[in-house]
Amino acid sequence: MTAATAAAPRVLVVEDEESLLFTLAHNLKREGYTVVTASRGDDGLRLAREQKPDLILLDVMLPGIDGIQVCRMLRRDSDVPIIMLTALGGESDRVAGLDTGADDYMPKPFGMRELMARVRALLRRSGARAQPDTGPTVVISGDLQVDRERREVVRGGKVLRMKPKEFELLLFFLQHPGRVFSREQILDEVWGYDFYGGPRTVDVHIRWLRQKVEDDPANPVRIRTIRGSGYLFEG
């Protein structure tokens, strides 16, 4: 009996430019991926929920629902890797996409080889996160309780709603209490070394976390800013 062949990763491409959609699908299929396509944001959102892809390439400017809204809605209940594609290349546009929960950002025009490399890198990282971990299932710090398997955070008996990267960032801090990490180190450890965004992404997620785990987010005692160095977590 031969061993079962692992299913090819499924990639959803949501892009309204017909020629680019065709090119993306063609190149992804050549790489061995199963490809699902949509040319509208609302169709992309529906397919993402129905097909459960392993990764999504998501254009920003879409008919129906724009890519930013699609990403925001998906992030309510999914941590599927998302690469935003857009002709809007300014820093504020990149930050807007990343702040909604995108994992990477590719400004148009882009090289197909680079995009395929980013797809492979994100799929590797997401696959690694899915592997069993030998650490404790539940991590406790004061009134915080983090269940790694259920991806659930409880504070003072109340379940906190966490975006995927918020959860991963909090877990990282809980696993390294009392250590100072620069923004670049946090990006490497939580987002991955080949992440396209910048340090401001860390600041945004820190601000979100403080609003949930600090008694007074304006005067944090758990996640402290160490001027000129980065951030430190104290339980």
Protein backbone atom coordinates (compact mmCIF):
# COMPACT_ATOMS: atom_id res chain seq x y z
CA MET A 1 0.00 0.00 0.00
CA THR A 2 1.37 3.39 -0.91
CA ALA A 3 1.40 6.31 1.48
CA ALA A 4 -1.33 8.89 1.04
CA THR A 5 -0.27 11.99 -0.83
CA ALA A 6 -0.69 15.22 1.08
CA ALA A 7 -3.29 17.52 -0.41
CA ALA A 8 -1.94 20.52 -2.29
CA PRO A 9 -2.34 23.82 -0.41
CA ARG A 10 -5.44 25.71 -1.51
CA VAL A 11 -4.96 29.38 -2.47
CA LEU A 12 -7.84 31.81 -2.95
CA VAL A 13 -7.12 34.72 -5.32
CA VAL A 14 -9.47 37.72 -5.13
CA GLU A 15 -8.61 40.16 -7.92
CA ASP A 16 -10.86 42.12 -10.28
CA GLU A 17 -8.30 42.73 -13.04
CA GLU A 18 -8.97 39.82 -15.38
CA SER A 19 -5.50 39.52 -16.90
CA LEU A 20 -3.77 39.64 -13.51
CA LEU A 21 -6.23 37.13 -12.05
CA PHE A 22 -5.44 34.73 -14.89
CA THR A 23 -1.68 35.24 -14.49
CA LEU A 24 -1.79 34.70 -10.74
CA ALA A 25 -3.90 31.56 -11.05
CA HIS A 26 -1.65 30.19 -13.80
CA ASN A 27 1.55 30.71 -11.82
CA LEU A 28 0.08 29.29 -8.61
CA LYS A 29 -1.07 26.17 -10.45
CA ARG A 30 2.42 25.78 -11.92
CA GLU A 31 3.74 25.85 -8.34
CA GLY A 32 1.44 22.95 -7.51
CA TYR A 33 -1.30 24.78 -5.59
CA THR A 34 -5.03 24.27 -5.88
CA VAL A 35 -6.47 27.63 -6.93
CA VAL A 36 -9.88 29.19 -6.29
CA THR A 37 -10.65 32.62 -7.81
CA ALA A 38 -13.07 35.49 -7.35
CA SER A 39 -13.29 38.93 -8.95
CA ARG A 40 -15.52 40.60 -6.34
CA GLY A 41 -14.97 41.20 -2.66
CA ASP A 42 -18.29 39.69 -1.57
CA ASP A 43 -17.65 36.56 -3.63
CA GLY A 44 -14.15 36.32 -2.19
CA LEU A 45 -15.50 36.54 1.36
CA ARG A 46 -18.06 33.81 0.64
CA LEU A 47 -15.46 31.51 -0.95
CA ALA A 48 -13.03 32.08 1.92
CA ARG A 49 -15.66 30.86 4.37
CA GLU A 50 -16.82 27.96 2.18
CA GLN A 51 -13.50 26.72 0.78
CA LYS A 52 -11.29 27.26 3.87
CA PRO A 53 -8.16 28.11 1.83
CA ASP A 54 -4.65 27.78 3.23
CA LEU A 55 -3.75 31.29 1.98
CA ILE A 56 -5.51 34.26 0.35
CA LEU A 57 -4.18 36.76 -2.19
CA LEU A 58 -6.48 39.74 -1.74
CA ASP A 59 -6.65 42.87 -3.88
CA VAL A 60 -7.58 46.08 -2.06
CA MET A 61 -9.68 47.81 -4.74
CA LEU A 62 -12.54 45.40 -5.40
CA PRO A 63 -16.18 45.75 -6.46
CA GLY A 64 -18.82 44.68 -3.98
CA ILE A 65 -16.71 44.90 -0.81
CA ASP A 66 -13.18 46.29 -0.83
CA GLY A 67 -10.25 44.16 0.27
CA ILE A 68 -9.76 46.02 3.55
CA GLN A 69 -13.32 45.18 4.61
CA VAL A 70 -12.95 41.57 3.46
CA CYS A 71 -9.76 41.20 5.51
CA ARG A 72 -11.37 42.81 8.55
CA MET A 73 -14.39 40.49 8.40
CA LEU A 74 -12.26 37.37 7.92
CA ARG A 75 -10.09 38.26 10.88
CA ARG A 76 -13.08 38.04 13.20
CA ASP A 77 -12.96 34.25 13.05
CA SER A 78 -9.99 33.15 10.94
CA ASP A 79 -6.19 33.35 11.02
CA VAL A 80 -5.72 32.26 7.39
CA PRO A 81 -2.58 33.92 5.95
CA ILE A 82 -3.52 36.94 3.81
CA ILE A 83 -1.31 38.82 1.33
CA MET A 84 -2.79 42.15 0.26
CA LEU A 85 -2.24 43.24 -3.36
CA THR A 86 -2.70 46.88 -4.29
CA ALA A 87 -1.67 49.70 -6.56
CA LEU A 88 -1.77 52.02 -3.53
CA GLY A 89 1.88 52.07 -2.50
CA GLY A 90 2.05 54.73 0.21
CA GLU A 91 3.06 53.86 3.77
CA SER A 92 -0.37 54.81 5.12
CA ASP A 93 -1.99 52.41 2.65
CA ARG A 94 0.32 49.58 3.72
CA VAL A 95 -0.37 50.30 7.38
CA ALA A 96 -4.14 50.32 6.76
CA GLY A 97 -3.95 46.85 5.23
CA LEU A 98 -1.67 45.44 7.88
CA ASP A 99 -3.67 46.95 10.72
CA THR A 100 -6.74 45.03 9.60
CA GLY A 101 -4.81 41.79 10.07
CA ALA A 102 -3.08 41.11 6.75
CA ASP A 103 0.14 39.10 7.04
CA ASP A 104 1.96 40.67 4.11
CA TYR A 105 1.58 43.41 1.51
CA MET A 106 2.63 43.51 -2.15
CA PRO A 107 2.44 46.85 -4.01
CA LYS A 108 1.70 46.65 -7.73
CA PRO A 109 3.46 46.10 -10.01
CA PHE A 110 5.29 43.20 -8.37
CA GLY A 111 7.56 40.44 -9.56
CA MET A 112 5.88 37.05 -9.82
CA ARG A 113 8.93 35.22 -8.44
CA GLU A 114 8.93 37.42 -5.35
CA LEU A 115 5.21 36.90 -4.82
CA MET A 116 5.58 33.12 -5.13
CA ALA A 117 8.43 33.23 -2.61
CA ARG A 118 6.22 35.14 -0.17
CA VAL A 119 3.41 32.62 -0.67
CA ARG A 120 5.79 29.75 0.12
CA ALA A 121 7.16 31.55 3.17
CA LEU A 122 3.71 32.27 4.61
CA LEU A 123 2.54 28.71 4.02
CA ARG A 124 5.67 27.40 5.77
CA ARG A 125 5.06 29.64 8.76
CA SER A 126 1.37 28.79 9.03
CA GLY A 127 2.21 25.09 8.73
CA ALA A 128 4.79 25.39 11.49
CA ARG A 129 2.24 27.07 13.76
CA ALA A 130 -0.09 24.12 13.20
CA GLN A 131 2.47 21.57 14.42
CA PRO A 132 2.18 20.14 17.96
CA ASP A 133 4.11 22.13 20.55
CA THR A 134 5.71 20.62 23.63
CA GLY A 135 5.07 23.69 25.81
CA PRO A 136 2.22 23.93 28.33
CA THR A 137 -1.26 24.09 26.88
CA VAL A 138 -2.40 26.79 29.31
CA VAL A 139 -0.15 29.71 30.27
CA ILE A 140 -1.12 31.76 33.34
CA SER A 141 0.11 35.19 34.41
CA GLY A 142 -1.76 36.93 37.21
CA ASP A 143 -5.41 37.16 36.18
CA LEU A 144 -4.54 36.22 32.57
CA GLN A 145 -5.05 32.67 31.35
CA VAL A 146 -4.08 31.76 27.78
CA ASP A 147 -5.17 28.45 26.30
CA ARG A 148 -2.89 27.76 23.36
CA GLU A 149 -4.92 24.88 21.86
CA ARG A 150 -8.24 26.71 22.02
CA ARG A 151 -6.55 30.03 21.20
CA GLU A 152 -8.53 31.59 24.01
CA VAL A 153 -7.59 34.34 26.45
CA VAL A 154 -9.40 34.74 29.76
CA ARG A 155 -8.89 37.68 32.10
CA GLY A 156 -10.55 37.70 35.49
CA GLY A 157 -12.97 35.01 34.33
CA LYS A 158 -13.98 36.92 31.19
CA VAL A 159 -13.09 35.68 27.69
CA LEU A 160 -11.31 38.36 25.64
CA ARG A 161 -11.82 38.71 21.90
CA MET A 162 -8.40 38.54 20.27
CA LYS A 163 -7.30 39.00 16.68
CA PRO A 164 -4.92 36.22 15.56
CA LYS A 165 -1.77 38.34 15.74
CA GLU A 166 -2.84 39.85 19.08
CA PHE A 167 -3.09 36.32 20.47
CA GLU A 168 0.32 35.30 19.10
CA LEU A 169 1.94 38.49 20.41
CA LEU A 170 0.46 38.04 23.89
CA LEU A 171 1.54 34.41 23.98
CA PHE A 172 5.05 35.41 22.93
CA PHE A 173 5.23 37.92 25.80
CA LEU A 174 3.89 35.39 28.30
CA GLN A 175 6.56 32.92 27.24
CA HIS A 176 9.34 35.52 27.68
CA PRO A 177 8.52 37.55 30.81
CA GLY A 178 11.04 40.08 32.06
CA ARG A 179 12.94 40.32 28.75
CA VAL A 180 13.22 43.42 26.60
CA PHE A 181 12.56 42.92 22.88
CA SER A 182 13.06 45.49 20.15
CA ARG A 183 10.32 46.02 17.59
CA GLU A 184 12.47 44.30 14.98
CA GLN A 185 12.94 41.25 17.24
CA ILE A 186 9.19 41.05 17.85
CA LEU A 187 8.52 41.28 14.10
CA ASP A 188 10.96 38.43 13.48
CA GLU A 189 9.53 36.21 16.21
CA VAL A 190 5.79 36.84 15.78
CA TRP A 191 5.37 37.90 12.14
CA GLY A 192 8.42 36.19 10.61
CA TYR A 193 11.72 37.46 9.28
CA ASP A 194 10.39 38.01 5.75
CA PHE A 195 7.41 40.12 6.83
CA TYR A 196 7.01 43.14 4.55
CA GLY A 197 5.61 45.61 7.09
CA GLY A 198 7.49 47.85 9.49
CA PRO A 199 7.86 48.44 13.23
CA ARG A 200 4.67 50.50 13.42
CA THR A 201 2.75 47.24 13.04
CA VAL A 202 4.15 46.17 16.43
CA ASP A 203 3.15 49.47 18.04
CA VAL A 204 -0.42 49.14 16.77
CA HIS A 205 -0.80 45.60 18.12
CA ILE A 206 0.76 46.61 21.45
CA ARG A 207 -1.81 49.39 21.74
CA TRP A 208 -4.63 46.93 21.04
CA LEU A 209 -3.28 44.47 23.60
CA ARG A 210 -2.96 47.11 26.29
CA GLN A 211 -6.61 48.02 25.85
CA LYS A 212 -7.49 44.44 26.76
CA VAL A 213 -4.96 43.37 29.40
CA GLU A 214 -4.15 46.61 31.26
CA ASP A 215 -6.30 48.25 33.95
CA ASP A 216 -5.16 51.64 32.62
CA PRO A 217 -3.92 51.34 29.02
CA ALA A 218 -2.52 54.89 29.15
CA ASN A 219 -0.28 53.87 32.07
CA PRO A 220 0.59 50.23 31.36
CA VAL A 221 2.24 48.04 33.96
CA ARG A 222 2.16 44.70 32.11
CA ILE A 223 3.46 45.64 28.67
CA ARG A 224 5.97 48.39 29.33
CA THR A 225 7.74 50.60 26.82
CA ILE A 226 11.49 50.70 27.42
CA ARG A 227 12.57 53.95 25.80
CA GLY A 228 15.13 53.41 23.08
CA SER A 229 14.98 49.61 23.42
CA GLY A 230 11.50 48.23 22.80
CA TYR A 231 8.97 46.45 24.98
CA LEU A 232 9.05 44.35 28.14
CA PHE A 233 6.31 42.16 29.58
CA GLU A 234 5.87 41.84 33.33
CA GLY A 235 3.25 39.41 34.61
